[in-house]
């Protein structure tokens, strides 16, 4: 569960008209802090970022999902 402080900072950023990535940055920042203090057992930075973005989405920040490449791109890359 994100802290009240992170939620307040994200809402403040939304009121100021900041981008969704800036709003989500508060949740990611918090998660990185947890990783550093060993509060959550994450294996990598990428995992901590993913957890932070997930918490931001649950809190109502409208972050676009990561796009997957199409079938043709994956097929050509394999050659």
N, C-alpha and C. Protein backbone atom coordinates (compact mmCIF):
# COMPACT_ATOMS: atom_id res chain seq x y z
N UNK A 1 0.85 -1.19 0.00
CA UNK A 1 0.00 0.00 0.00
C UNK A 1 0.88 1.24 0.00
N UNK A 2 0.64 2.16 -0.93
CA UNK A 2 1.44 3.39 -0.96
C UNK A 2 1.15 4.27 0.26
N UNK A 3 2.15 5.02 0.66
CA UNK A 3 1.97 5.89 1.82
C UNK A 3 1.09 7.08 1.44
N UNK A 4 0.50 7.69 2.45
CA UNK A 4 -0.36 8.86 2.22
C UNK A 4 0.44 9.99 1.59
N UNK A 5 1.70 10.09 1.98
CA UNK A 5 2.55 11.16 1.47
C UNK A 5 2.76 11.04 -0.05
N UNK A 6 2.97 9.80 -0.51
CA UNK A 6 3.17 9.57 -1.94
C UNK A 6 1.89 9.89 -2.71
N UNK A 7 0.76 9.49 -2.16
CA UNK A 7 -0.53 9.78 -2.82
C UNK A 7 -0.77 11.28 -2.87
N UNK A 8 -0.47 11.98 -1.79
CA UNK A 8 -0.66 13.43 -1.76
C UNK A 8 0.24 14.12 -2.78
N UNK A 9 1.49 13.68 -2.88
CA UNK A 9 2.42 14.28 -3.85
C UNK A 9 1.95 14.05 -5.27
N UNK A 10 1.44 12.84 -5.55
CA UNK A 10 0.95 12.53 -6.88
C UNK A 10 -0.28 13.39 -7.22
N UNK A 11 -1.17 13.56 -6.25
CA UNK A 11 -2.36 14.39 -6.48
C UNK A 11 -1.97 15.84 -6.70
N UNK A 12 -0.96 16.30 -5.96
CA UNK A 12 -0.47 17.67 -6.13
C UNK A 12 0.09 17.85 -7.55
N UNK A 13 0.82 16.86 -8.02
CA UNK A 13 1.37 16.92 -9.38
C UNK A 13 0.24 16.95 -10.41
N UNK A 14 -0.83 16.19 -10.15
CA UNK A 14 -1.97 16.18 -11.08
C UNK A 14 -2.65 17.55 -11.11
N UNK A 15 -2.81 18.17 -9.93
CA UNK A 15 -3.42 19.50 -9.87
C UNK A 15 -2.58 20.54 -10.61
N UNK A 16 -1.26 20.36 -10.56
CA UNK A 16 -0.36 21.29 -11.24
C UNK A 16 -0.28 21.03 -12.73
N UNK A 17 -0.96 19.98 -13.20
CA UNK A 17 -0.99 19.67 -14.62
C UNK A 17 0.23 18.93 -15.12
N UNK A 18 0.92 18.25 -14.22
CA UNK A 18 2.12 17.51 -14.61
C UNK A 18 1.74 16.24 -15.36
N UNK A 19 2.72 15.70 -16.06
CA UNK A 19 2.51 14.48 -16.85
C UNK A 19 2.24 13.28 -15.93
N UNK A 20 1.65 12.26 -16.51
CA UNK A 20 1.34 11.05 -15.74
C UNK A 20 2.62 10.40 -15.22
N UNK A 21 3.69 10.49 -15.99
CA UNK A 21 4.95 9.88 -15.55
C UNK A 21 5.49 10.59 -14.31
N UNK A 22 5.26 11.90 -14.22
CA UNK A 22 5.69 12.65 -13.04
C UNK A 22 4.87 12.24 -11.82
N UNK A 23 3.58 12.06 -12.04
CA UNK A 23 2.71 11.63 -10.95
C UNK A 23 3.12 10.23 -10.46
N UNK A 24 3.40 9.35 -11.40
CA UNK A 24 3.78 7.98 -11.05
C UNK A 24 5.17 7.94 -10.43
N UNK A 25 5.98 8.94 -10.72
CA UNK A 25 7.34 8.97 -10.19
C UNK A 25 7.39 8.95 -8.68
N UNK A 26 6.38 9.49 -8.04
CA UNK A 26 6.34 9.47 -6.58
C UNK A 26 6.22 8.05 -6.05
N UNK A 27 5.42 7.24 -6.71
CA UNK A 27 5.24 5.85 -6.28
C UNK A 27 6.50 5.05 -6.56
N UNK A 28 7.13 5.31 -7.69
CA UNK A 28 8.37 4.62 -8.03
C UNK A 28 9.47 5.02 -7.05
N UNK A 29 9.53 6.31 -6.73
CA UNK A 29 10.52 6.82 -5.77
C UNK A 29 10.37 6.12 -4.41
N UNK A 30 9.12 5.99 -3.99
CA UNK A 30 8.84 5.33 -2.72
C UNK A 30 9.29 3.87 -2.76
N UNK A 31 9.00 3.21 -3.88
CA UNK A 31 9.36 1.80 -4.01
C UNK A 31 10.88 1.62 -4.04
N UNK A 32 11.59 2.54 -4.67
CA UNK A 32 13.05 2.48 -4.69
C UNK A 32 13.60 2.66 -3.27
N UNK A 33 12.96 3.52 -2.51
CA UNK A 33 13.35 3.72 -1.12
C UNK A 33 13.15 2.43 -0.32
N UNK A 34 12.03 1.76 -0.56
CA UNK A 34 11.76 0.49 0.12
C UNK A 34 12.80 -0.56 -0.27
N UNK A 35 13.18 -0.55 -1.55
CA UNK A 35 14.17 -1.50 -2.02
C UNK A 35 15.51 -1.24 -1.32
N UNK A 36 15.87 0.02 -1.21
CA UNK A 36 17.14 0.39 -0.58
C UNK A 36 17.17 0.01 0.90
N UNK A 37 16.04 0.18 1.58
CA UNK A 37 15.95 -0.13 3.01
C UNK A 37 15.58 -1.58 3.28
N UNK A 38 15.45 -2.38 2.22
CA UNK A 38 15.10 -3.80 2.33
C UNK A 38 13.74 -4.03 2.97
N UNK A 39 12.80 -3.14 2.72
CA UNK A 39 11.44 -3.30 3.25
C UNK A 39 10.70 -4.34 2.41
N UNK A 40 10.89 -4.28 1.07
CA UNK A 40 10.29 -5.25 0.17
C UNK A 40 11.40 -6.05 -0.50
N UNK A 41 11.24 -7.35 -0.58
CA UNK A 41 12.29 -8.16 -1.20
C UNK A 41 12.16 -8.18 -2.72
N UNK A 42 12.70 -7.17 -3.38
CA UNK A 42 12.68 -7.15 -4.85
C UNK A 42 14.05 -7.58 -5.37
N UNK A 43 14.05 -8.18 -6.55
CA UNK A 43 15.29 -8.74 -7.08
C UNK A 43 16.07 -7.75 -7.94
N UNK A 44 15.39 -6.75 -8.49
CA UNK A 44 16.08 -5.82 -9.37
C UNK A 44 15.40 -4.45 -9.37
N UNK A 45 16.10 -3.48 -9.96
CA UNK A 45 15.54 -2.13 -10.09
C UNK A 45 14.29 -2.16 -10.96
N UNK A 46 14.35 -2.94 -12.04
CA UNK A 46 13.21 -3.03 -12.96
C UNK A 46 11.96 -3.51 -12.24
N UNK A 47 12.13 -4.48 -11.36
CA UNK A 47 10.99 -5.01 -10.62
C UNK A 47 10.44 -3.94 -9.68
N UNK A 48 11.32 -3.18 -9.06
CA UNK A 48 10.87 -2.11 -8.16
C UNK A 48 10.08 -1.05 -8.94
N UNK A 49 10.55 -0.71 -10.13
CA UNK A 49 9.85 0.27 -10.98
C UNK A 49 8.48 -0.27 -11.36
N UNK A 50 8.42 -1.55 -11.73
CA UNK A 50 7.14 -2.16 -12.12
C UNK A 50 6.15 -2.15 -10.96
N UNK A 51 6.62 -2.42 -9.77
CA UNK A 51 5.75 -2.40 -8.59
C UNK A 51 5.24 -0.99 -8.34
N UNK A 52 6.14 0.01 -8.47
CA UNK A 52 5.74 1.40 -8.28
C UNK A 52 4.70 1.84 -9.29
N UNK A 53 4.88 1.46 -10.55
CA UNK A 53 3.90 1.82 -11.59
C UNK A 53 2.57 1.13 -11.35
N UNK A 54 2.61 -0.10 -10.88
CA UNK A 54 1.39 -0.83 -10.57
C UNK A 54 0.61 -0.14 -9.45
N UNK A 55 1.33 0.29 -8.42
CA UNK A 55 0.68 0.99 -7.31
C UNK A 55 0.10 2.33 -7.79
N UNK A 56 0.80 2.99 -8.69
CA UNK A 56 0.31 4.26 -9.23
C UNK A 56 -0.98 4.04 -10.00
N UNK A 57 -1.03 2.98 -10.81
CA UNK A 57 -2.25 2.69 -11.57
C UNK A 57 -3.42 2.40 -10.63
N UNK A 58 -3.15 1.66 -9.56
CA UNK A 58 -4.21 1.36 -8.60
C UNK A 58 -4.69 2.61 -7.88
N UNK A 59 -3.80 3.59 -7.73
CA UNK A 59 -4.16 4.84 -7.06
C UNK A 59 -4.89 5.81 -8.00
N UNK A 60 -4.96 5.46 -9.30
CA UNK A 60 -5.73 6.28 -10.22
C UNK A 60 -4.92 7.11 -11.20
N UNK A 61 -3.60 6.94 -11.21
CA UNK A 61 -2.78 7.67 -12.19
C UNK A 61 -2.93 6.97 -13.53
N UNK A 62 -3.21 7.74 -14.58
CA UNK A 62 -3.46 7.14 -15.89
C UNK A 62 -2.16 7.01 -16.68
N UNK A 63 -1.49 5.90 -16.45
CA UNK A 63 -0.24 5.60 -17.14
C UNK A 63 -0.55 4.60 -18.24
N UNK A 64 -0.09 4.87 -19.46
CA UNK A 64 -0.35 3.89 -20.53
C UNK A 64 0.42 2.60 -20.27
N UNK A 65 -0.19 1.48 -20.65
CA UNK A 65 0.46 0.18 -20.49
C UNK A 65 1.65 0.11 -21.46
N UNK A 66 2.62 -0.73 -21.13
CA UNK A 66 3.76 -0.90 -22.00
C UNK A 66 3.30 -1.63 -23.26
N UNK A 67 3.66 -1.10 -24.41
CA UNK A 67 3.21 -1.69 -25.67
C UNK A 67 4.13 -2.83 -26.08
N UNK A 68 3.52 -3.88 -26.60
CA UNK A 68 4.27 -5.01 -27.11
C UNK A 68 4.50 -4.82 -28.60
N UNK A 69 5.58 -5.37 -29.10
CA UNK A 69 5.82 -5.29 -30.53
C UNK A 69 4.88 -6.26 -31.24
N UNK A 70 4.60 -5.99 -32.50
CA UNK A 70 3.69 -6.83 -33.26
C UNK A 70 4.31 -8.16 -33.66
N UNK A 71 3.49 -9.02 -34.22
CA UNK A 71 3.95 -10.35 -34.63
C UNK A 71 5.04 -10.24 -35.69
N UNK A 72 4.87 -9.34 -36.66
CA UNK A 72 5.84 -9.20 -37.75
C UNK A 72 7.20 -8.76 -37.21
N UNK A 73 7.21 -7.83 -36.29
CA UNK A 73 8.46 -7.35 -35.73
C UNK A 73 9.18 -8.46 -34.99
N UNK A 74 8.45 -9.23 -34.19
CA UNK A 74 9.06 -10.33 -33.45
C UNK A 74 9.59 -11.40 -34.39
N UNK A 75 8.85 -11.65 -35.50
CA UNK A 75 9.24 -12.66 -36.46
C UNK A 75 10.53 -12.25 -37.16
N UNK A 76 10.62 -10.99 -37.58
CA UNK A 76 11.81 -10.50 -38.28
C UNK A 76 13.02 -10.44 -37.34
N UNK A 77 12.80 -10.12 -36.10
CA UNK A 77 13.89 -9.99 -35.14
C UNK A 77 14.53 -11.36 -34.89
N UNK A 78 13.73 -12.41 -34.99
CA UNK A 78 14.23 -13.75 -34.74
C UNK A 78 15.20 -14.25 -35.80
N UNK A 79 15.19 -13.64 -36.98
CA UNK A 79 16.07 -14.11 -38.07
C UNK A 79 17.48 -13.64 -37.92
